[in-house]
C-alpha atoms as a PDB file:
ATOM      1  CA  MET A   1     -16.460 -16.082   0.345  1.00  0.00           C
ATOM      2  CA  LEU A   2     -13.984 -17.521   2.838  1.00  0.00           C
ATOM      3  CA  ILE A   3     -11.441 -19.834   1.278  1.00  0.00           C
ATOM      4  CA  GLY A   4      -8.984 -21.785   3.392  1.00  0.00           C
ATOM      5  CA  GLU A   5      -8.180 -20.334   6.791  1.00  0.00           C
ATOM      6  CA  GLN A   6      -7.697 -16.603   6.250  1.00  0.00           C
ATOM      7  CA  SER A   7      -8.436 -15.704   2.647  1.00  0.00           C
ATOM      8  CA  TRP A   8     -11.352 -14.295   0.660  1.00  0.00           C
ATOM      9  CA  GLU A   9     -12.266 -15.245  -2.886  1.00  0.00           C
ATOM     10  CA  PHE A  10     -14.258 -12.608  -4.723  1.00  0.00           C
ATOM     11  CA  LYS A  11     -16.636 -14.458  -7.019  1.00  0.00           C
ATOM     12  CA  ARG A  12     -18.061 -11.275  -8.562  1.00  0.00           C
ATOM     13  CA  ARG A  13     -14.562  -9.943  -9.295  1.00  0.00           C
ATOM     14  CA  PRO A  14     -14.843  -6.251  -8.347  1.00  0.00           C
ATOM     15  CA  VAL A  15     -13.530  -3.994 -11.090  1.00  0.00           C
ATOM     16  CA  ILE A  16     -10.901  -1.332 -10.430  1.00  0.00           C
ATOM     17  CA  LEU A  17     -12.577   1.417 -12.432  1.00  0.00           C
ATOM     18  CA  GLY A  18     -10.052   4.153 -11.782  1.00  0.00           C
ATOM     19  CA  THR A  19      -6.894   4.782  -9.778  1.00  0.00           C
ATOM     20  CA  SER A  20      -4.525   7.629  -9.066  1.00  0.00           C
ATOM     21  CA  SER A  21      -1.035   8.200  -7.701  1.00  0.00           C
ATOM     22  CA  VAL A  22       0.192  11.551  -6.367  1.00  0.00           C
ATOM     23  CA  VAL A  23       3.780  11.900  -5.129  1.00  0.00           C
ATOM     24  CA  GLY A  24       6.338  14.371  -3.859  1.00  0.00           C
ATOM     25  CA  PRO A  25       9.629  15.567  -5.372  1.00  0.00           C
ATOM     26  CA  ASP A  26      11.893  12.722  -4.248  1.00  0.00           C
ATOM     27  CA  GLU A  27       9.514  10.114  -5.619  1.00  0.00           C
ATOM     28  CA  GLY A  28       9.291  12.043  -8.868  1.00  0.00           C
ATOM     29  CA  LYS A  29      13.068  11.815  -9.221  1.00  0.00           C
ATOM     30  CA  GLY A  30      13.017   8.040  -8.849  1.00  0.00           C
ATOM     31  CA  PRO A  31      12.895   5.484 -11.676  1.00  0.00           C
ATOM     32  CA  LEU A  32       9.065   5.430 -11.665  1.00  0.00           C
ATOM     33  CA  GLY A  33       8.678   9.209 -11.654  1.00  0.00           C
ATOM     34  CA  ASP A  34       7.144   9.518 -15.102  1.00  0.00           C
ATOM     35  CA  GLN A  35       4.514   6.877 -14.306  1.00  0.00           C
ATOM     36  CA  PHE A  36       2.792   8.733 -11.475  1.00  0.00           C
ATOM     37  CA  ASP A  37      -0.213  10.921 -12.225  1.00  0.00           C
ATOM     38  CA  VAL A  38       0.974  13.985 -10.307  1.00  0.00           C
ATOM     39  CA  VAL A  39       4.472  14.896  -9.104  1.00  0.00           C
ATOM     40  CA  HIS A  40       4.710  17.861  -6.740  1.00  0.00           C
ATOM     41  CA  GLU A  41       7.855  19.960  -6.794  1.00  0.00           C
ATOM     42  CA  ASP A  42       7.914  20.712  -3.056  1.00  0.00           C
ATOM     43  CA  THR A  43       6.828  18.893   0.075  1.00  0.00           C
ATOM     44  CA  LEU A  44       4.501  21.628   1.356  1.00  0.00           C
ATOM     45  CA  ILE A  45       2.374  21.647  -1.817  1.00  0.00           C
ATOM     46  CA  GLY A  46       1.356  25.235  -1.181  1.00  0.00           C
ATOM     47  CA  GLN A  47       0.144  24.490   2.362  1.00  0.00           C
ATOM     48  CA  ASP A  48       1.383  25.947   5.647  1.00  0.00           C
ATOM     49  CA  SER A  49       2.178  22.594   7.293  1.00  0.00           C
ATOM     50  CA  TRP A  50       3.291  19.140   6.186  1.00  0.00           C
ATOM     51  CA  GLU A  51       0.192  17.577   7.740  1.00  0.00           C
ATOM     52  CA  LYS A  52      -2.024  19.794   5.597  1.00  0.00           C
ATOM     53  CA  ALA A  53       0.094  18.916   2.579  1.00  0.00           C
ATOM     54  CA  GLU A  54      -0.481  15.204   3.223  1.00  0.00           C
ATOM     55  CA  LYS A  55      -4.230  15.775   3.433  1.00  0.00           C
ATOM     56  CA  LYS A  56      -4.109  17.813   0.231  1.00  0.00           C
ATOM     57  CA  MET A  57      -2.375  14.993  -1.626  1.00  0.00           C
ATOM     58  CA  LEU A  58      -5.074  12.538  -0.602  1.00  0.00           C
ATOM     59  CA  GLU A  59      -7.816  14.935  -1.688  1.00  0.00           C
ATOM     60  CA  GLU A  60      -6.093  15.232  -5.070  1.00  0.00           C
ATOM     61  CA  ALA A  61      -5.734  11.455  -5.363  1.00  0.00           C
ATOM     62  CA  ALA A  62      -9.416  10.878  -4.553  1.00  0.00           C
ATOM     63  CA  GLU A  63     -10.565  13.480  -7.049  1.00  0.00           C
ATOM     64  CA  LEU A  64      -8.298  12.113  -9.757  1.00  0.00           C
ATOM     65  CA  ALA A  65      -9.339   8.481  -9.165  1.00  0.00           C
ATOM     66  CA  LEU A  66     -12.988   9.485  -9.580  1.00  0.00           C
ATOM     67  CA  LYS A  67     -12.102  11.333 -12.777  1.00  0.00           C
ATOM     68  CA  HIS A  68     -10.313   8.274 -14.159  1.00  0.00           C
ATOM     69  CA  ALA A  69     -13.341   6.154 -13.224  1.00  0.00           C
ATOM     70  CA  ASN A  70     -15.600   8.664 -15.015  1.00  0.00           C
ATOM     71  CA  MET A  71     -17.680   8.847 -11.856  1.00  0.00           C
ATOM     72  CA  PRO A  72     -19.171  11.947 -10.203  1.00  0.00           C
ATOM     73  CA  LYS A  73     -18.337  12.053  -6.508  1.00  0.00           C
ATOM     74  CA  GLU A  74     -22.073  12.004  -5.716  1.00  0.00           C
ATOM     75  CA  GLN A  75     -22.224   8.417  -6.992  1.00  0.00           C
ATOM     76  CA  LEU A  76     -19.544   7.175  -4.582  1.00  0.00           C
ATOM     77  CA  GLN A  77     -21.185   5.161  -1.794  1.00  0.00           C
ATOM     78  CA  PHE A  78     -18.384   4.347   0.665  1.00  0.00           C
ATOM     79  CA  TYR A  79     -14.776   5.290   1.357  1.00  0.00           C
ATOM     80  CA  VAL A  80     -12.284   3.032   3.169  1.00  0.00           C
ATOM     81  CA  GLY A  81      -8.907   4.420   4.183  1.00  0.00           C
ATOM     82  CA  GLY A  82      -6.299   5.302   6.751  1.00  0.00           C
ATOM     83  CA  ASP A  83      -2.776   6.649   7.219  1.00  0.00           C
ATOM     84  CA  LEU A  84       0.124   6.806   9.668  1.00  0.00           C
ATOM     85  CA  LEU A  85      -0.737   9.921  11.647  1.00  0.00           C
ATOM     86  CA  ASN A  86      -2.361   9.830  15.067  1.00  0.00           C
ATOM     87  CA  GLN A  87      -6.118   9.296  14.779  1.00  0.00           C
ATOM     88  CA  ILE A  88      -5.635   8.859  10.983  1.00  0.00           C
ATOM     89  CA  ILE A  89      -6.272  12.586  10.592  1.00  0.00           C
ATOM     90  CA  SER A  90      -5.138  12.817   6.968  1.00  0.00           C
ATOM     91  CA  ASN A  91      -7.960  10.553   5.846  1.00  0.00           C
ATOM     92  CA  SER A  92     -10.574  11.815   8.284  1.00  0.00           C
ATOM     93  CA  PHE A  93      -9.999  15.448   7.348  1.00  0.00           C
ATOM     94  CA  ALA A  94      -9.807  14.696   3.618  1.00  0.00           C
ATOM     95  CA  VAL A  95     -13.023  12.681   3.612  1.00  0.00           C
ATOM     96  CA  ARG A  96     -14.968  15.410   5.385  1.00  0.00           C
ATOM     97  CA  THR A  97     -14.765  17.346   2.111  1.00  0.00           C
ATOM     98  CA  MET A  98     -16.116  14.343   0.174  1.00  0.00           C
ATOM     99  CA  GLN A  99     -19.229  13.850   2.321  1.00  0.00           C
ATOM    100  CA  VAL A 100     -19.332  10.081   1.788  1.00  0.00           C
ATOM    101  CA  PRO A 101     -19.878   7.269   4.347  1.00  0.00           C
ATOM    102  CA  TYR A 102     -16.429   6.541   5.745  1.00  0.00           C
ATOM    103  CA  LEU A 103     -14.663   3.564   7.308  1.00  0.00           C
ATOM    104  CA  GLY A 104     -11.375   4.636   8.881  1.00  0.00           C
ATOM    105  CA  ILE A 105      -8.770   1.879   9.249  1.00  0.00           C
ATOM    106  CA  PHE A 106      -5.220   1.560  10.538  1.00  0.00           C
ATOM    107  CA  GLY A 107      -2.780  -1.048   9.343  1.00  0.00           C
ATOM    108  CA  ALA A 108       0.333   1.124   9.333  1.00  0.00           C
ATOM    109  CA  CYS A 109       2.050   0.703   5.950  1.00  0.00           C
ATOM    110  CA  SER A 110      -0.207  -2.276   5.113  1.00  0.00           C
ATOM    111  CA  THR A 111      -3.213   0.074   4.959  1.00  0.00           C
ATOM    112  CA  SER A 112      -3.276   0.261   1.145  1.00  0.00           C
ATOM    113  CA  MET A 113      -4.093  -3.417   0.657  1.00  0.00           C
ATOM    114  CA  GLU A 114      -6.170  -3.655   3.833  1.00  0.00           C
ATOM    115  CA  GLY A 115      -8.354  -0.892   2.411  1.00  0.00           C
ATOM    116  CA  LEU A 116      -8.496  -2.453  -1.051  1.00  0.00           C
ATOM    117  CA  ALA A 117      -9.448  -5.838   0.435  1.00  0.00           C
ATOM    118  CA  ILE A 118     -12.268  -4.344   2.538  1.00  0.00           C
ATOM    119  CA  ALA A 119     -13.536  -2.226  -0.360  1.00  0.00           C
ATOM    120  CA  SER A 120     -13.546  -5.323  -2.581  1.00  0.00           C
ATOM    121  CA  MET A 121     -15.433  -7.281   0.062  1.00  0.00           C
ATOM    122  CA  ILE A 122     -18.101  -4.557   0.237  1.00  0.00           C
ATOM    123  CA  VAL A 123     -18.567  -4.632  -3.535  1.00  0.00           C
ATOM    124  CA  ASP A 124     -18.405  -8.408  -3.849  1.00  0.00           C
ATOM    125  CA  SER A 125     -20.969  -8.924  -1.069  1.00  0.00           C
ATOM    126  CA  GLY A 126     -23.424  -6.492  -2.590  1.00  0.00           C
ATOM    127  CA  PHE A 127     -23.335  -4.091   0.360  1.00  0.00           C
ATOM    128  CA  GLY A 128     -22.088  -1.377  -1.978  1.00  0.00           C
ATOM    129  CA  GLU A 129     -21.551  -0.971  -5.702  1.00  0.00           C
ATOM    130  CA  ARG A 130     -19.163   1.992  -5.849  1.00  0.00           C
ATOM    131  CA  VAL A 131     -16.434   2.132  -3.204  1.00  0.00           C
ATOM    132  CA  MET A 132     -13.117   3.956  -2.920  1.00  0.00           C
ATOM    133  CA  ALA A 133     -10.010   2.827  -1.056  1.00  0.00           C
ATOM    134  CA  GLY A 134      -7.321   5.406  -0.308  1.00  0.00           C
ATOM    135  CA  THR A 135      -4.245   6.070   1.779  1.00  0.00           C
ATOM    136  CA  CYS A 136      -1.275   8.422   2.049  1.00  0.00           C
ATOM    137  CA  SER A 137       1.954   9.215   3.865  1.00  0.00           C
ATOM    138  CA  HIS A 138       4.428  12.074   4.010  1.00  0.00           C
ATOM    139  CA  ASN A 139       8.103  11.862   4.810  1.00  0.00           C
ATOM    140  CA  CYS A 140       8.142  14.941   7.022  1.00  0.00           C
ATOM    141  CA  THR A 141       4.992  14.109   9.022  1.00  0.00           C
ATOM    142  CA  ALA A 142       6.079  10.519   9.668  1.00  0.00           C
ATOM    143  CA  GLU A 143       9.601  11.498  10.685  1.00  0.00           C
ATOM    144  CA  LYS A 144       8.224  14.092  13.081  1.00  0.00           C
ATOM    145  CA  GLN A 145       5.772  11.685  14.685  1.00  0.00           C
ATOM    146  CA  PHE A 146       7.735   8.450  14.854  1.00  0.00           C
ATOM    147  CA  ARG A 147      11.388   9.490  15.072  1.00  0.00           C
ATOM    148  CA  TYR A 148      12.859  12.963  15.533  1.00  0.00           C
ATOM    149  CA  PRO A 149      11.687  16.463  14.576  1.00  0.00           C
ATOM    150  CA  THR A 150      12.364  16.833  10.866  1.00  0.00           C
ATOM    151  CA  GLU A 151      14.355  20.022  11.438  1.00  0.00           C
ATOM    152  CA  TYR A 152      16.705  18.137  13.781  1.00  0.00           C
ATOM    153  CA  GLY A 153      18.370  16.440  10.813  1.00  0.00           C
ATOM    154  CA  SER A 154      19.470  13.334  12.683  1.00  0.00           C
ATOM    155  CA  GLN A 155      21.619  10.789  10.879  1.00  0.00           C
ATOM    156  CA  LYS A 156      20.130   7.370  10.216  1.00  0.00           C
ATOM    157  CA  PRO A 157      21.726   3.924   9.919  1.00  0.00           C
ATOM    158  CA  PRO A 158      21.746   2.036   6.587  1.00  0.00           C
ATOM    159  CA  THR A 159      18.892  -0.212   7.790  1.00  0.00           C
ATOM    160  CA  ALA A 160      16.519   2.754   8.139  1.00  0.00           C
ATOM    161  CA  GLN A 161      13.888   3.470   5.507  1.00  0.00           C
ATOM    162  CA  TYR A 162      12.636   6.653   3.867  1.00  0.00           C
ATOM    163  CA  THR A 163       8.926   7.370   4.224  1.00  0.00           C
ATOM    164  CA  VAL A 164       7.320   7.967   0.836  1.00  0.00           C
ATOM    165  CA  THR A 165       5.541  11.272   0.269  1.00  0.00           C
ATOM    166  CA  GLY A 166       2.555  10.145  -1.730  1.00  0.00           C
ATOM    167  CA  ALA A 167      -1.135   9.278  -1.886  1.00  0.00           C
ATOM    168  CA  GLY A 168      -3.030   6.667  -3.837  1.00  0.00           C
ATOM    169  CA  ALA A 169      -6.701   5.882  -4.381  1.00  0.00           C
ATOM    170  CA  ALA A 170      -8.749   3.282  -6.237  1.00  0.00           C
ATOM    171  CA  VAL A 171     -12.441   3.250  -7.192  1.00  0.00           C
ATOM    172  CA  LEU A 172     -14.125  -0.158  -7.339  1.00  0.00           C
ATOM    173  CA  GLY A 173     -17.420  -1.167  -8.900  1.00  0.00           C
ATOM    174  CA  LEU A 174     -19.391  -4.144 -10.143  1.00  0.00           C
ATOM    175  CA  LYS A 175     -19.676  -3.082 -13.769  1.00  0.00           C
ATOM    176  CA  GLY A 176     -17.175  -1.645 -16.175  1.00  0.00           C
ATOM    177  CA  SER A 177     -13.758  -2.399 -17.596  1.00  0.00           C
ATOM    178  CA  GLY A 178     -10.402  -2.576 -15.911  1.00  0.00           C
ATOM    179  CA  PRO A 179      -8.301  -4.824 -13.687  1.00  0.00           C
ATOM    180  CA  VAL A 180     -10.283  -7.019 -11.298  1.00  0.00           C
ATOM    181  CA  VAL A 181      -9.687  -8.022  -7.683  1.00  0.00           C
ATOM    182  CA  THR A 182      -9.964 -11.792  -7.419  1.00  0.00           C
ATOM    183  CA  GLY A 183      -8.935 -12.496  -3.836  1.00  0.00           C
ATOM    184  CA  ALA A 184      -7.268 -11.364  -0.642  1.00  0.00           C
ATOM    185  CA  THR A 185      -5.433 -12.904   2.284  1.00  0.00           C
ATOM    186  CA  ILE A 186      -5.809 -11.150   5.630  1.00  0.00           C
ATOM    187  CA  GLY A 187      -2.616 -11.271   7.631  1.00  0.00           C
ATOM    188  CA  ARG A 188      -1.931 -12.158  11.233  1.00  0.00           C
ATOM    189  CA  VAL A 189       0.158 -10.125  13.660  1.00  0.00           C
ATOM    190  CA  VAL A 190       3.677 -11.565  13.718  1.00  0.00           C
ATOM    191  CA  ASP A 191       6.251 -10.403  16.263  1.00  0.00           C
ATOM    192  CA  LEU A 192       9.769 -11.847  16.458  1.00  0.00           C
ATOM    193  CA  GLY A 193      10.967  -9.354  19.046  1.00  0.00           C
ATOM    194  CA  ILE A 194      12.594  -6.685  16.862  1.00  0.00           C
ATOM    195  CA  LYS A 195      12.811  -3.420  18.824  1.00  0.00           C
ATOM    196  CA  ASP A 196      14.853  -1.195  16.516  1.00  0.00           C
ATOM    197  CA  PRO A 197      12.614   1.461  14.885  1.00  0.00           C
ATOM    198  CA  PHE A 198      15.391   2.066  12.381  1.00  0.00           C
ATOM    199  CA  ASN A 199      15.106  -1.500  11.080  1.00  0.00           C
ATOM    200  CA  MET A 200      11.474  -1.783  10.033  1.00  0.00           C
ATOM    201  CA  GLY A 201      12.299  -4.185   7.209  1.00  0.00           C
ATOM    202  CA  ALA A 202      13.448  -6.830   9.673  1.00  0.00           C
ATOM    203  CA  ALA A 203      10.315  -6.306  11.780  1.00  0.00           C
ATOM    204  CA  MET A 204       7.906  -6.610   8.827  1.00  0.00           C
ATOM    205  CA  ALA A 205       9.537  -9.364   6.772  1.00  0.00           C
ATOM    206  CA  PRO A 206       8.256 -12.291   8.920  1.00  0.00           C
ATOM    207  CA  ALA A 207       4.683 -11.020   8.581  1.00  0.00           C
ATOM    208  CA  ALA A 208       5.053 -10.779   4.795  1.00  0.00           C
ATOM    209  CA  VAL A 209       6.302 -14.362   4.668  1.00  0.00           C
ATOM    210  CA  ASP A 210       3.485 -15.567   6.925  1.00  0.00           C
ATOM    211  CA  THR A 211       0.829 -13.964   4.703  1.00  0.00           C
ATOM    212  CA  LEU A 212       2.429 -15.188   1.480  1.00  0.00           C
ATOM    213  CA  THR A 213       2.567 -18.736   2.841  1.00  0.00           C
ATOM    214  CA  ALA A 214      -1.088 -18.519   3.912  1.00  0.00           C
ATOM    215  CA  HIS A 215      -2.111 -17.169   0.495  1.00  0.00           C
ATOM    216  CA  PHE A 216      -0.479 -20.006  -1.421  1.00  0.00           C
ATOM    217  CA  ARG A 217      -1.927 -22.559   1.030  1.00  0.00           C
ATOM    218  CA  ASP A 218      -5.480 -21.200   1.008  1.00  0.00           C
ATOM    219  CA  PHE A 219      -5.711 -20.801  -2.771  1.00  0.00           C
ATOM    220  CA  GLY A 220      -3.671 -23.907  -3.605  1.00  0.00           C
ATOM    221  CA  ARG A 221      -1.273 -21.891  -5.757  1.00  0.00           C
ATOM    222  CA  GLU A 222       2.430 -21.782  -6.429  1.00  0.00           C
ATOM    223  CA  PRO A 223       4.319 -18.475  -6.668  1.00  0.00           C
ATOM    224  CA  GLY A 224       4.608 -18.952 -10.439  1.00  0.00           C
ATOM    225  CA  TYR A 225       0.841 -18.451 -10.790  1.00  0.00           C
ATOM    226  CA  TYR A 226       1.553 -14.707 -10.714  1.00  0.00           C
ATOM    227  CA  ASP A 227       3.497 -12.655 -13.220  1.00  0.00           C
ATOM    228  CA  LEU A 228       4.623 -10.392 -10.408  1.00  0.00           C
ATOM    229  CA  ILE A 229       4.610 -10.672  -6.626  1.00  0.00           C
ATOM    230  CA  VAL A 230       5.465  -7.437  -4.860  1.00  0.00           C
ATOM    231  CA  THR A 231       5.759  -6.711  -1.151  1.00  0.00           C
ATOM    232  CA  GLY A 232       4.884  -3.295   0.169  1.00  0.00           C
ATOM    233  CA  ASP A 233       7.874  -1.685   1.764  1.00  0.00           C
ATOM    234  CA  LEU A 234      10.430  -4.146   3.058  1.00  0.00           C
ATOM    235  CA  ALA A 235      13.172  -2.319   1.135  1.00  0.00           C
ATOM    236  CA  THR A 236      16.581  -3.935   0.714  1.00  0.00           C
ATOM    237  CA  VAL A 237      17.048  -5.261   4.265  1.00  0.00           C
ATOM    238  CA  GLY A 238      13.576  -6.728   4.702  1.00  0.00           C
ATOM    239  CA  TYR A 239      13.481  -8.047   1.149  1.00  0.00           C
ATOM    240  CA  ASP A 240      16.619 -10.134   1.670  1.00  0.00           C
ATOM    241  CA  ILE A 241      15.288 -11.442   4.986  1.00  0.00           C
ATOM    242  CA  ALA A 242      11.961 -12.350   3.381  1.00  0.00           C
ATOM    243  CA  CYS A 243      13.726 -14.259   0.603  1.00  0.00           C
ATOM    244  CA  ASP A 244      15.712 -16.240   3.173  1.00  0.00           C
ATOM    245  CA  LEU A 245      12.609 -17.034   5.257  1.00  0.00           C
ATOM    246  CA  LEU A 246      10.663 -18.097   2.163  1.00  0.00           C
ATOM    247  CA  ARG A 247      13.457 -20.434   1.101  1.00  0.00           C
ATOM    248  CA  GLU A 248      13.302 -22.025   4.554  1.00  0.00           C
ATOM    249  CA  ARG A 249       9.637 -22.791   3.820  1.00  0.00           C
ATOM    250  CA  GLY A 250      10.434 -24.307   0.449  1.00  0.00           C
ATOM    251  CA  LEU A 251       9.419 -21.223  -1.553  1.00  0.00           C
ATOM    252  CA  ASP A 252      12.338 -19.984  -3.619  1.00  0.00           C
ATOM    253  CA  MET A 253      10.859 -16.646  -4.613  1.00  0.00           C
ATOM    254  CA  THR A 254      13.998 -15.677  -6.494  1.00  0.00           C
ATOM    255  CA  GLN A 255      12.816 -18.117  -9.176  1.00  0.00           C
ATOM    256  CA  THR A 256       9.691 -16.009  -9.692  1.00  0.00           C
ATOM    257  CA  VAL A 257       9.276 -12.314 -10.401  1.00  0.00           C
ATOM    258  CA  TYR A 258       9.439 -11.059  -6.805  1.00  0.00           C
ATOM    259  CA  GLN A 259      10.047  -7.353  -6.149  1.00  0.00           C
ATOM    260  CA  ASP A 260       9.414  -4.790  -3.441  1.00  0.00           C
ATOM    261  CA  CYS A 261       7.809  -1.363  -3.750  1.00  0.00           C
ATOM    262  CA  GLY A 262      10.359   0.114  -1.351  1.00  0.00           C
ATOM    263  CA  LYS A 263      13.136  -0.919  -3.723  1.00  0.00           C
ATOM    264  CA  LEU A 264      11.339   0.110  -6.896  1.00  0.00           C
ATOM    265  CA  ILE A 265      10.266   3.655  -6.041  1.00  0.00           C
ATOM    266  CA  TYR A 266      13.738   5.149  -5.511  1.00  0.00           C
ATOM    267  CA  ASP A 267      17.110   4.940  -7.207  1.00  0.00           C
ATOM    268  CA  LEU A 268      18.974   3.373  -4.318  1.00  0.00           C
ATOM    269  CA  GLU A 269      22.346   4.187  -5.858  1.00  0.00           C
ATOM    270  CA  LYS A 270      21.717   7.887  -6.439  1.00  0.00           C
ATOM    271  CA  GLN A 271      19.120   8.941  -3.840  1.00  0.00           C
ATOM    272  CA  ASN A 272      19.834   9.243  -0.120  1.00  0.00           C
ATOM    273  CA  VAL A 273      17.024   6.985   1.082  1.00  0.00           C
ATOM    274  CA  GLN A 274      18.989   4.467   3.172  1.00  0.00           C
ATOM    275  CA  ALA A 275      17.499   0.967   2.628  1.00  0.00           C
ATOM    276  CA  GLY A 276      14.600   2.218   0.475  1.00  0.00           C
ATOM    277  CA  GLY A 277      11.003   3.367   0.724  1.00  0.00           C
ATOM    278  CA  SER A 278       8.293   2.799   3.316  1.00  0.00           C
ATOM    279  CA  GLY A 279       5.035   4.393   4.428  1.00  0.00           C
ATOM    280  CA  CYS A 280       1.394   3.914   3.424  1.00  0.00           C
ATOM    281  CA  GLY A 281       2.054   5.830   0.225  1.00  0.00           C
ATOM    282  CA  CYS A 282       4.789   3.431  -0.883  1.00  0.00           C
ATOM    283  CA  SER A 283       2.710   0.409  -1.930  1.00  0.00           C
ATOM    284  CA  ALA A 284      -0.288   2.626  -2.753  1.00  0.00           C
ATOM    285  CA  THR A 285       1.458   4.832  -5.318  1.00  0.00           C
ATOM    286  CA  VAL A 286       3.457   2.009  -6.905  1.00  0.00           C
ATOM    287  CA  THR A 287       0.402  -0.252  -7.188  1.00  0.00           C
ATOM    288  CA  TYR A 288      -2.179   2.339  -8.235  1.00  0.00           C
ATOM    289  CA  GLY A 289       0.296   3.954 -10.604  1.00  0.00           C
ATOM    290  CA  PRO A 290       2.935   1.896 -12.467  1.00  0.00           C
ATOM    291  CA  LEU A 291       1.699  -1.633 -11.687  1.00  0.00           C
ATOM    292  CA  LEU A 292      -1.923  -1.167 -12.700  1.00  0.00           C
ATOM    293  CA  LYS A 293      -0.810   0.681 -15.814  1.00  0.00           C
ATOM    294  CA  ARG A 294       1.176  -2.418 -16.749  1.00  0.00           C
ATOM    295  CA  LEU A 295      -1.905  -4.563 -16.140  1.00  0.00           C
ATOM    296  CA  ARG A 296      -4.049  -2.356 -18.332  1.00  0.00           C
ATOM    297  CA  LYS A 297      -1.467  -2.477 -21.113  1.00  0.00           C
ATOM    298  CA  GLY A 298      -1.255  -6.257 -20.927  1.00  0.00           C
ATOM    299  CA  ASP A 299       2.386  -6.339 -19.813  1.00  0.00           C
ATOM    300  CA  LEU A 300       1.154  -8.239 -16.748  1.00  0.00           C
ATOM    301  CA  ASN A 301      -1.844 -10.537 -16.338  1.00  0.00           C
ATOM    302  CA  ARG A 302      -1.785 -11.435 -12.632  1.00  0.00           C
ATOM    303  CA  ILE A 303      -0.123  -9.691  -9.717  1.00  0.00           C
ATOM    304  CA  LEU A 304      -0.121 -10.237  -5.967  1.00  0.00           C
ATOM    305  CA  VAL A 305       0.482  -7.160  -3.808  1.00  0.00           C
ATOM    306  CA  VAL A 306       1.458  -7.833  -0.193  1.00  0.00           C
ATOM    307  CA  ALA A 307       1.476  -4.560   1.748  1.00  0.00           C
ATOM    308  CA  THR A 308       3.435  -4.721   4.986  1.00  0.00           C
ATOM    309  CA  GLY A 309       3.066  -2.690   8.171  1.00  0.00           C
ATOM    310  CA  ALA A 310       4.908  -2.143  11.452  1.00  0.00           C
ATOM    311  CA  LEU A 311       2.357  -1.751  14.236  1.00  0.00           C
ATOM    312  CA  LEU A 312       4.341   0.416  16.608  1.00  0.00           C
ATOM    313  CA  SER A 313       3.731   3.847  18.076  1.00  0.00           C
ATOM    314  CA  PRO A 314       6.025   6.354  19.783  1.00  0.00           C
ATOM    315  CA  LEU A 315       4.420   5.334  23.088  1.00  0.00           C
ATOM    316  CA  SER A 316       4.971   1.597  22.636  1.00  0.00           C
ATOM    317  CA  PHE A 317       8.600   2.172  21.613  1.00  0.00           C
ATOM    318  CA  GLN A 318       9.262   4.397  24.631  1.00  0.00           C
ATOM    319  CA  GLN A 319       7.842   1.707  26.896  1.00  0.00           C
ATOM    320  CA  GLY A 320      10.253  -0.877  25.510  1.00  0.00           C
ATOM    321  CA  GLU A 321       7.748  -2.838  23.435  1.00  0.00           C
ATOM    322  CA  SER A 322       8.805  -4.825  20.394  1.00  0.00           C
ATOM    323  CA  ILE A 323       7.492  -4.053  16.901  1.00  0.00           C
ATOM    324  CA  PRO A 324       4.649  -6.303  15.694  1.00  0.00           C
ATOM    325  CA  GLY A 325       4.300  -6.749  11.962  1.00  0.00           C
ATOM    326  CA  ILE A 326       1.279  -7.284   9.712  1.00  0.00           C
ATOM    327  CA  ALA A 327       0.824  -7.932   5.994  1.00  0.00           C
ATOM    328  CA  HIS A 328      -2.263  -8.125   3.776  1.00  0.00           C
ATOM    329  CA  ALA A 329      -2.235  -9.601   0.267  1.00  0.00           C
ATOM    330  CA  VAL A 330      -4.548  -8.722  -2.630  1.00  0.00           C
ATOM    331  CA  ALA A 331      -4.642 -10.580  -5.954  1.00  0.00           C
ATOM    332  CA  ILE A 332      -5.362  -8.436  -9.010  1.00  0.00           C
ATOM    333  CA  GLU A 333      -5.827  -9.689 -12.546  1.00  0.00           C
ATOM    334  CA  ARG A 334      -6.135  -8.092 -15.940  1.00  0.00           C
ATOM    335  CA  GLY A 335      -9.831  -7.886 -16.768  1.00  0.00           C
ATOM    336  CA  GLU A 336     -12.114  -7.057 -19.618  1.00  0.00           C
ATOM    337  CA  VAL A 337     -15.676  -5.695 -19.410  1.00  0.00           C
ATOM    338  CA  GLN A 338     -17.231  -7.183 -16.287  1.00  0.00           C
ATOM    339  CA  ASN A 339     -20.826  -8.035 -15.400  1.00  0.00           C
ATOM    340  CA  GLY A 340     -22.337  -6.641 -18.582  1.00  0.00           C
END
């Protein structure tokens, strides 16, 4: 049901029955490497192109999430997902092998939580009982599409971010045990005129702050309600900007447990990833891997994941457009056996 101005409260509390996180070699070398389900040793993953490798990762993530949910793929009713590539081809081509009704979405790097929110809405409304949300990204495909050919080896400024090679998927249902989705806040497009594609954190931070503010307003909550609040991929530059903007609104997030997936997934001191991680796979792999494992163990009871996205394209950048930002928030809580 609608709560406040732009949030949904899920009364039936959809259960996250199974998740998966599949990553590439750089992500495996980061501080969370041993908490992902699959770590590939090369970026091609036995394929003859990086685009095919990205698709392969998503297929693996979907299959593994179903396995963890103890659900045959024939029982899956709907799939919601998207990615960064033109015409969201990674998801469209991966889902053709699943033969399941498919809703393709695009929210740039916010796609993970956009998909999870829509999947939860389908389950909560009764329009489906078994739904998967999935997304992926690949460093080499994103660099080739949005910046320079990967082989070119161009240098990047410190504000640039490193697209995560990874895929994540979650299976939701009405019955079973596992973490539950209790609510979501759908973000608005926020654009403060940033035009530098090598400073995505600055472009996305205002949208993250706007969605966080809306979430606390709509649900009547303070940041301390959550054990952990994590943004998707602001990395070091965007994270600092977000903290400053939140303080201006009277929300001192440094007093709560506030982190960012783009800062968590890499060792920023030892790995050459500039400001930190980004990409659809950033928030997806961190959330569906390490964070939900902590929820299941009881280390965390309530988390709020705010995935952030930069809604640009090579065409819009070449035409001198600024970079709009978007952010979607999903509240997840530790749950026991739900609905019998």
